[in-house]
Amino acid sequence: MSKHYASAYWEGNLPKGNGKYTLKTSGHVGSLKFTTRFEDDKSASSPEELIGAAHAACFSMAFSHALDQGGFTPEKIETEAEVTLGKNEGGFAITGILLKTRVKVSEIADDKFNEIANGAKENCPVSKALAGVKIELEAKKV
């Protein structure tokens, strides 16, 4: 079993405070602000953006592997995750994720491409961890 570590800290109250997150392996440090979650503030990241990055990366890797296992060689996979933060009966929640992926792969029929893409969406570990969230996929060959 493999373990991976990240940490975060927060200073101040929620609306006016700020924080940082650290990814242990790479040492990457990023900023966090409340306004990046609910306003048009591009000066820092949000937890939802970090979940989106993790999901896009996990899906891309799973899709690459699934294509390879199916006998296809992907040249490039680019995936963007659109994470929606909304309200439900329990308060604020991630209510949906749209994965938009563009893949350069040759000699694969559209139906097989879509079958493998949907399998990767269902089986990547981050998708499984987000099982309570509606996850949609737009997959295109380029």
N, C-alpha and C. Protein backbone atom coordinates (compact mmCIF):
# COMPACT_ATOMS: atom_id res chain seq x y z
N MET A 1 0.84 -1.17 0.00
CA MET A 1 0.00 0.00 0.00
C MET A 1 0.89 1.24 0.00
N SER A 2 0.48 2.20 -0.75
CA SER A 2 1.23 3.44 -0.90
C SER A 2 0.50 4.56 -0.14
N LYS A 3 1.24 5.38 0.56
CA LYS A 3 0.66 6.52 1.28
C LYS A 3 1.24 7.80 0.72
N HIS A 4 0.41 8.83 0.67
CA HIS A 4 0.80 10.12 0.13
C HIS A 4 0.36 11.20 1.11
N TYR A 5 1.14 12.28 1.21
CA TYR A 5 0.90 13.26 2.26
C TYR A 5 0.80 14.67 1.72
N ALA A 6 -0.10 15.41 2.31
CA ALA A 6 -0.24 16.84 2.06
C ALA A 6 -0.65 17.46 3.39
N SER A 7 -0.40 18.75 3.53
CA SER A 7 -0.80 19.43 4.76
C SER A 7 -1.34 20.81 4.41
N ALA A 8 -2.06 21.38 5.34
CA ALA A 8 -2.60 22.73 5.17
C ALA A 8 -2.70 23.41 6.52
N TYR A 9 -2.61 24.72 6.50
CA TYR A 9 -2.90 25.49 7.71
C TYR A 9 -3.67 26.73 7.33
N TRP A 10 -4.38 27.26 8.29
CA TRP A 10 -5.24 28.43 8.08
C TRP A 10 -5.01 29.41 9.20
N GLU A 11 -4.94 30.70 8.87
CA GLU A 11 -4.79 31.76 9.87
C GLU A 11 -5.98 32.71 9.76
N GLY A 12 -6.57 33.05 10.89
CA GLY A 12 -7.65 34.02 10.91
C GLY A 12 -9.01 33.40 10.72
N ASN A 13 -10.02 34.28 10.66
CA ASN A 13 -11.38 33.79 10.47
C ASN A 13 -11.58 33.40 9.01
N LEU A 14 -12.69 32.78 8.71
CA LEU A 14 -12.89 32.25 7.36
C LEU A 14 -12.92 33.32 6.28
N PRO A 15 -13.74 34.37 6.39
CA PRO A 15 -13.81 35.30 5.27
C PRO A 15 -12.55 36.13 5.04
N LYS A 16 -11.83 36.45 6.11
CA LYS A 16 -10.67 37.34 5.96
C LYS A 16 -9.33 36.63 6.12
N GLY A 17 -9.36 35.38 6.52
CA GLY A 17 -8.12 34.65 6.74
C GLY A 17 -7.49 34.17 5.45
N ASN A 18 -6.40 33.46 5.62
CA ASN A 18 -5.72 32.86 4.47
C ASN A 18 -4.91 31.68 4.96
N GLY A 19 -4.45 30.90 4.03
CA GLY A 19 -3.69 29.72 4.41
C GLY A 19 -2.77 29.26 3.31
N LYS A 20 -2.15 28.15 3.58
CA LYS A 20 -1.23 27.53 2.63
C LYS A 20 -1.43 26.02 2.68
N TYR A 21 -1.14 25.38 1.58
CA TYR A 21 -1.10 23.92 1.54
C TYR A 21 0.28 23.52 1.04
N THR A 22 0.70 22.34 1.44
CA THR A 22 2.00 21.81 1.02
C THR A 22 1.82 20.37 0.55
N LEU A 23 2.40 20.07 -0.60
CA LEU A 23 2.44 18.71 -1.11
C LEU A 23 3.80 18.14 -0.74
N LYS A 24 3.81 17.10 0.08
CA LYS A 24 5.06 16.63 0.67
C LYS A 24 6.08 16.15 -0.35
N THR A 25 5.69 15.33 -1.31
CA THR A 25 6.66 14.74 -2.23
C THR A 25 7.39 15.79 -3.05
N SER A 26 6.64 16.70 -3.66
CA SER A 26 7.26 17.71 -4.52
C SER A 26 7.72 18.93 -3.75
N GLY A 27 7.16 19.12 -2.55
CA GLY A 27 7.47 20.32 -1.79
C GLY A 27 6.70 21.54 -2.27
N HIS A 28 5.79 21.35 -3.22
CA HIS A 28 5.01 22.47 -3.73
C HIS A 28 4.19 23.09 -2.60
N VAL A 29 4.23 24.41 -2.52
CA VAL A 29 3.45 25.16 -1.53
C VAL A 29 2.55 26.12 -2.30
N GLY A 30 1.28 26.16 -1.94
CA GLY A 30 0.34 27.06 -2.58
C GLY A 30 -0.49 27.81 -1.56
N SER A 31 -1.11 28.88 -2.00
CA SER A 31 -1.92 29.73 -1.13
C SER A 31 -3.39 29.34 -1.22
N LEU A 32 -4.10 29.57 -0.12
CA LEU A 32 -5.54 29.32 -0.03
C LEU A 32 -6.22 30.59 0.47
N LYS A 33 -7.39 30.90 -0.10
CA LYS A 33 -8.19 32.03 0.36
C LYS A 33 -9.66 31.68 0.23
N PHE A 34 -10.46 32.19 1.13
CA PHE A 34 -11.90 32.00 1.08
C PHE A 34 -12.48 32.56 -0.22
N THR A 35 -11.97 33.72 -0.64
CA THR A 35 -12.54 34.39 -1.81
C THR A 35 -12.33 33.60 -3.10
N THR A 36 -11.40 32.67 -3.14
CA THR A 36 -11.22 31.85 -4.34
C THR A 36 -12.35 30.82 -4.47
N ARG A 37 -13.06 30.58 -3.39
CA ARG A 37 -14.14 29.60 -3.42
C ARG A 37 -15.46 30.22 -3.86
N PHE A 38 -15.72 31.46 -3.47
CA PHE A 38 -17.04 32.04 -3.68
C PHE A 38 -17.03 33.35 -4.46
N GLU A 39 -15.86 33.88 -4.78
CA GLU A 39 -15.76 35.12 -5.53
C GLU A 39 -14.79 34.91 -6.68
N ASP A 40 -14.60 35.93 -7.48
CA ASP A 40 -13.74 35.81 -8.66
C ASP A 40 -12.30 36.20 -8.31
N ASP A 41 -11.73 35.55 -7.32
CA ASP A 41 -10.36 35.83 -6.87
C ASP A 41 -9.44 34.76 -7.45
N LYS A 42 -8.50 35.18 -8.26
CA LYS A 42 -7.58 34.24 -8.91
C LYS A 42 -6.20 34.25 -8.25
N SER A 43 -6.10 34.83 -7.05
CA SER A 43 -4.79 34.98 -6.41
C SER A 43 -4.34 33.76 -5.61
N ALA A 44 -5.19 32.77 -5.48
CA ALA A 44 -4.85 31.59 -4.69
C ALA A 44 -5.67 30.41 -5.20
N SER A 45 -5.47 29.26 -4.61
CA SER A 45 -6.22 28.05 -4.96
C SER A 45 -7.35 27.84 -3.97
N SER A 46 -8.16 26.86 -4.27
CA SER A 46 -9.24 26.46 -3.36
C SER A 46 -9.17 24.94 -3.20
N PRO A 47 -9.78 24.42 -2.15
CA PRO A 47 -9.82 22.96 -2.01
C PRO A 47 -10.47 22.28 -3.22
N GLU A 48 -11.48 22.93 -3.79
CA GLU A 48 -12.16 22.35 -4.94
C GLU A 48 -11.22 22.28 -6.16
N GLU A 49 -10.40 23.30 -6.32
CA GLU A 49 -9.43 23.30 -7.42
C GLU A 49 -8.40 22.18 -7.24
N LEU A 50 -7.99 21.96 -6.01
CA LEU A 50 -7.02 20.89 -5.73
C LEU A 50 -7.64 19.52 -5.98
N ILE A 51 -8.91 19.36 -5.61
CA ILE A 51 -9.61 18.11 -5.92
C ILE A 51 -9.71 17.92 -7.43
N GLY A 52 -10.00 19.01 -8.14
CA GLY A 52 -10.06 18.94 -9.60
C GLY A 52 -8.74 18.52 -10.21
N ALA A 53 -7.65 19.08 -9.71
CA ALA A 53 -6.32 18.71 -10.22
C ALA A 53 -6.04 17.23 -9.96
N ALA A 54 -6.35 16.78 -8.76
CA ALA A 54 -6.13 15.37 -8.43
C ALA A 54 -6.98 14.46 -9.31
N HIS A 55 -8.23 14.85 -9.54
CA HIS A 55 -9.12 14.02 -10.33
C HIS A 55 -8.68 13.99 -11.80
N ALA A 56 -8.33 15.14 -12.35
CA ALA A 56 -7.87 15.19 -13.74
C ALA A 56 -6.62 14.36 -13.94
N ALA A 57 -5.70 14.45 -13.00
CA ALA A 57 -4.45 13.67 -13.10
C ALA A 57 -4.72 12.17 -12.99
N CYS A 58 -5.52 11.79 -12.02
CA CYS A 58 -5.83 10.38 -11.81
C CYS A 58 -6.55 9.79 -13.03
N PHE A 59 -7.55 10.51 -13.53
CA PHE A 59 -8.29 10.03 -14.69
C PHE A 59 -7.36 9.88 -15.90
N SER A 60 -6.52 10.89 -16.15
CA SER A 60 -5.61 10.83 -17.30
C SER A 60 -4.69 9.62 -17.22
N MET A 61 -4.18 9.35 -16.04
CA MET A 61 -3.30 8.20 -15.86
C MET A 61 -4.06 6.89 -16.04
N ALA A 62 -5.28 6.81 -15.48
CA ALA A 62 -6.10 5.60 -15.61
C ALA A 62 -6.49 5.38 -17.07
N PHE A 63 -6.82 6.45 -17.78
CA PHE A 63 -7.22 6.35 -19.18
C PHE A 63 -6.03 5.89 -20.03
N SER A 64 -4.86 6.44 -19.76
CA SER A 64 -3.66 6.03 -20.48
C SER A 64 -3.41 4.53 -20.30
N HIS A 65 -3.52 4.08 -19.07
CA HIS A 65 -3.29 2.66 -18.77
C HIS A 65 -4.35 1.78 -19.45
N ALA A 66 -5.62 2.21 -19.37
CA ALA A 66 -6.69 1.41 -19.97
C ALA A 66 -6.55 1.33 -21.49
N LEU A 67 -6.17 2.44 -22.12
CA LEU A 67 -5.93 2.40 -23.56
C LEU A 67 -4.80 1.44 -23.90
N ASP A 68 -3.72 1.53 -23.14
CA ASP A 68 -2.57 0.65 -23.35
C ASP A 68 -2.96 -0.82 -23.18
N GLN A 69 -3.72 -1.11 -22.13
CA GLN A 69 -4.17 -2.48 -21.89
C GLN A 69 -5.08 -2.98 -23.01
N GLY A 70 -5.79 -2.05 -23.66
CA GLY A 70 -6.66 -2.41 -24.77
C GLY A 70 -5.94 -2.52 -26.11
N GLY A 71 -4.63 -2.28 -26.09
CA GLY A 71 -3.85 -2.41 -27.31
C GLY A 71 -3.69 -1.11 -28.09
N PHE A 72 -4.01 0.01 -27.45
CA PHE A 72 -3.90 1.32 -28.11
C PHE A 72 -2.82 2.14 -27.42
N THR A 73 -2.14 2.96 -28.20
CA THR A 73 -1.05 3.76 -27.64
C THR A 73 -1.45 5.23 -27.62
N PRO A 74 -1.77 5.77 -26.45
CA PRO A 74 -2.11 7.20 -26.39
C PRO A 74 -0.83 8.04 -26.53
N GLU A 75 -0.89 9.05 -27.39
CA GLU A 75 0.25 9.95 -27.52
C GLU A 75 0.17 11.07 -26.49
N LYS A 76 -1.05 11.54 -26.24
CA LYS A 76 -1.23 12.65 -25.31
C LYS A 76 -2.66 12.64 -24.77
N ILE A 77 -2.79 12.90 -23.48
CA ILE A 77 -4.10 13.03 -22.84
C ILE A 77 -4.09 14.32 -22.04
N GLU A 78 -5.03 15.21 -22.35
CA GLU A 78 -5.17 16.46 -21.60
C GLU A 78 -6.56 16.47 -20.98
N THR A 79 -6.63 16.60 -19.67
CA THR A 79 -7.91 16.56 -18.99
C THR A 79 -8.07 17.79 -18.10
N GLU A 80 -9.23 18.40 -18.19
CA GLU A 80 -9.61 19.53 -17.35
C GLU A 80 -10.77 19.08 -16.48
N ALA A 81 -10.74 19.44 -15.20
CA ALA A 81 -11.85 19.11 -14.30
C ALA A 81 -12.56 20.40 -13.91
N GLU A 82 -13.85 20.41 -14.10
CA GLU A 82 -14.69 21.54 -13.69
C GLU A 82 -15.45 21.08 -12.45
N VAL A 83 -15.07 21.60 -11.29
CA VAL A 83 -15.64 21.18 -10.02
C VAL A 83 -16.67 22.23 -9.59
N THR A 84 -17.90 21.79 -9.36
CA THR A 84 -18.96 22.70 -8.96
C THR A 84 -19.17 22.64 -7.45
N LEU A 85 -19.06 23.79 -6.81
CA LEU A 85 -19.35 23.93 -5.38
C LEU A 85 -20.72 24.56 -5.28
N GLY A 86 -21.65 23.84 -4.70
CA GLY A 86 -23.02 24.33 -4.58
C GLY A 86 -23.56 24.05 -3.20
N LYS A 87 -24.86 24.16 -3.09
CA LYS A 87 -25.53 23.89 -1.82
C LYS A 87 -26.45 22.69 -2.00
N ASN A 88 -26.52 21.89 -0.96
CA ASN A 88 -27.52 20.84 -0.90
C ASN A 88 -28.17 20.91 0.47
N GLU A 89 -28.93 19.89 0.84
CA GLU A 89 -29.65 19.92 2.12
C GLU A 89 -28.72 20.03 3.32
N GLY A 90 -27.47 19.65 3.18
CA GLY A 90 -26.52 19.70 4.29
C GLY A 90 -25.65 20.94 4.30
N GLY A 91 -25.83 21.84 3.35
CA GLY A 91 -24.99 23.04 3.26
C GLY A 91 -24.16 23.01 1.99
N PHE A 92 -23.00 23.64 2.04
CA PHE A 92 -22.13 23.67 0.86
C PHE A 92 -21.53 22.29 0.62
N ALA A 93 -21.44 21.94 -0.66
CA ALA A 93 -20.91 20.63 -1.04
C ALA A 93 -20.44 20.67 -2.48
N ILE A 94 -19.54 19.77 -2.82
CA ILE A 94 -19.19 19.57 -4.22
C ILE A 94 -20.35 18.80 -4.82
N THR A 95 -21.04 19.44 -5.77
CA THR A 95 -22.26 18.85 -6.32
C THR A 95 -22.04 18.19 -7.68
N GLY A 96 -20.90 18.41 -8.28
CA GLY A 96 -20.63 17.77 -9.56
C GLY A 96 -19.22 18.04 -10.04
N ILE A 97 -18.74 17.13 -10.88
CA ILE A 97 -17.45 17.29 -11.53
C ILE A 97 -17.62 16.89 -12.99
N LEU A 98 -17.17 17.78 -13.87
CA LEU A 98 -17.17 17.49 -15.30
C LEU A 98 -15.72 17.34 -15.74
N LEU A 99 -15.38 16.16 -16.21
CA LEU A 99 -14.05 15.90 -16.75
C LEU A 99 -14.12 16.10 -18.26
N LYS A 100 -13.30 17.00 -18.77
CA LYS A 100 -13.22 17.24 -20.22
C LYS A 100 -11.84 16.78 -20.66
N THR A 101 -11.80 15.74 -21.47
CA THR A 101 -10.51 15.20 -21.88
C THR A 101 -10.38 15.18 -23.40
N ARG A 102 -9.18 15.51 -23.85
CA ARG A 102 -8.83 15.47 -25.26
C ARG A 102 -7.64 14.52 -25.39
N VAL A 103 -7.80 13.56 -26.29
CA VAL A 103 -6.82 12.48 -26.37
C VAL A 103 -6.32 12.32 -27.80
N LYS A 104 -5.02 12.25 -27.93
CA LYS A 104 -4.41 11.94 -29.22
C LYS A 104 -4.05 10.46 -29.19
N VAL A 105 -4.83 9.68 -29.93
CA VAL A 105 -4.63 8.24 -30.01
C VAL A 105 -5.10 7.81 -31.40
N SER A 106 -4.38 6.92 -32.02
CA SER A 106 -4.75 6.53 -33.38
C SER A 106 -5.38 5.15 -33.41
N GLU A 107 -6.11 4.93 -34.48
CA GLU A 107 -6.67 3.62 -34.80
C GLU A 107 -7.53 3.02 -33.69
N ILE A 108 -8.50 3.80 -33.23
CA ILE A 108 -9.46 3.29 -32.26
C ILE A 108 -10.85 3.78 -32.68
N ALA A 109 -11.79 2.87 -32.73
CA ALA A 109 -13.16 3.21 -33.09
C ALA A 109 -13.79 4.05 -31.98
N ASP A 110 -14.72 4.91 -32.36
CA ASP A 110 -15.35 5.81 -31.39
C ASP A 110 -16.01 5.06 -30.24
N ASP A 111 -16.73 3.97 -30.55
CA ASP A 111 -17.42 3.25 -29.48
C ASP A 111 -16.43 2.62 -28.50
N LYS A 112 -15.32 2.10 -28.99
CA LYS A 112 -14.29 1.52 -28.11
C LYS A 112 -13.62 2.62 -27.29
N PHE A 113 -13.34 3.76 -27.92
CA PHE A 113 -12.75 4.91 -27.23
C PHE A 113 -13.64 5.33 -26.06
N ASN A 114 -14.95 5.47 -26.32
CA ASN A 114 -15.88 5.89 -25.27
C ASN A 114 -16.01 4.84 -24.18
N GLU A 115 -16.01 3.58 -24.55
CA GLU A 115 -16.08 2.49 -23.56
C GLU A 115 -14.87 2.54 -22.62
N ILE A 116 -13.69 2.70 -23.18
CA ILE A 116 -12.47 2.75 -22.36
C ILE A 116 -12.45 4.01 -21.51
N ALA A 117 -12.88 5.14 -22.08
CA ALA A 117 -12.92 6.40 -21.33
C ALA A 117 -13.85 6.30 -20.13
N ASN A 118 -15.03 5.75 -20.33
CA ASN A 118 -15.99 5.61 -19.23
C ASN A 118 -15.50 4.63 -18.18
N GLY A 119 -14.83 3.58 -18.60
CA GLY A 119 -14.25 2.65 -17.64
C GLY A 119 -13.19 3.31 -16.79
N ALA A 120 -12.35 4.15 -17.41
CA ALA A 120 -11.32 4.88 -16.66
C ALA A 120 -11.96 5.85 -15.67
N LYS A 121 -13.04 6.51 -16.10
CA LYS A 121 -13.75 7.44 -15.21
C LYS A 121 -14.29 6.70 -13.98
N GLU A 122 -14.85 5.55 -14.18
CA GLU A 122 -15.44 4.79 -13.08
C GLU A 122 -14.39 4.16 -12.16
N ASN A 123 -13.24 3.83 -12.72
CA ASN A 123 -12.27 3.04 -11.97
C ASN A 123 -11.04 3.76 -11.46
N CYS A 124 -10.86 5.05 -11.78
CA CYS A 124 -9.69 5.72 -11.22
C CYS A 124 -9.94 5.91 -9.72
N PRO A 125 -8.91 5.77 -8.90
CA PRO A 125 -9.07 5.83 -7.45
C PRO A 125 -9.73 7.12 -6.94
N VAL A 126 -9.47 8.24 -7.60
CA VAL A 126 -10.09 9.49 -7.14
C VAL A 126 -11.59 9.47 -7.44
N SER A 127 -12.00 8.95 -8.59
CA SER A 127 -13.43 8.81 -8.87
C SER A 127 -14.10 7.94 -7.82
N LYS A 128 -13.45 6.87 -7.44
CA LYS A 128 -14.01 5.99 -6.41
C LYS A 128 -14.14 6.72 -5.08
N ALA A 129 -13.15 7.55 -4.74
CA ALA A 129 -13.21 8.31 -3.49
C ALA A 129 -14.33 9.34 -3.52
N LEU A 130 -14.70 9.80 -4.71
CA LEU A 130 -15.74 10.81 -4.88
C LEU A 130 -17.06 10.17 -5.31
N ALA A 131 -17.31 8.96 -4.87
CA ALA A 131 -18.47 8.20 -5.33
C ALA A 131 -19.80 8.90 -5.07
N GLY A 132 -19.88 9.77 -4.08
CA GLY A 132 -21.12 10.48 -3.78
C GLY A 132 -21.35 11.71 -4.63
N VAL A 133 -20.45 11.99 -5.56
CA VAL A 133 -20.53 13.18 -6.41
C VAL A 133 -20.87 12.75 -7.83
N LYS A 134 -21.76 13.50 -8.48
CA LYS A 134 -22.08 13.23 -9.89
C LYS A 134 -20.85 13.59 -10.73
N ILE A 135 -20.32 12.61 -11.46
CA ILE A 135 -19.15 12.81 -12.30
C ILE A 135 -19.56 12.57 -13.75
N GLU A 136 -19.33 13.59 -14.58
CA GLU A 136 -19.64 13.49 -16.00
C GLU A 136 -18.34 13.54 -16.79
N LEU A 137 -18.39 13.03 -18.02
CA LEU A 137 -17.20 12.97 -18.85
C LEU A 137 -17.53 13.41 -20.27
N GLU A 138 -16.70 14.30 -20.79
CA GLU A 138 -16.70 14.65 -22.21
C GLU A 138 -15.35 14.23 -22.75
N ALA A 139 -15.32 13.18 -23.56
CA ALA A 139 -14.06 12.66 -24.10
C ALA A 139 -14.04 12.84 -25.61
N LYS A 140 -12.96 13.43 -26.10
CA LYS A 140 -12.82 13.68 -27.54
C LYS A 140 -11.46 13.24 -28.02
N LYS A 141 -11.45 12.66 -29.21
CA LYS A 141 -10.18 12.35 -29.87
C LYS A 141 -9.75 13.58 -30.65
N VAL A 142 -8.45 13.84 -30.65
CA VAL A 142 -7.92 14.97 -31.42
C VAL A 142 -6.86 14.49 -32.38
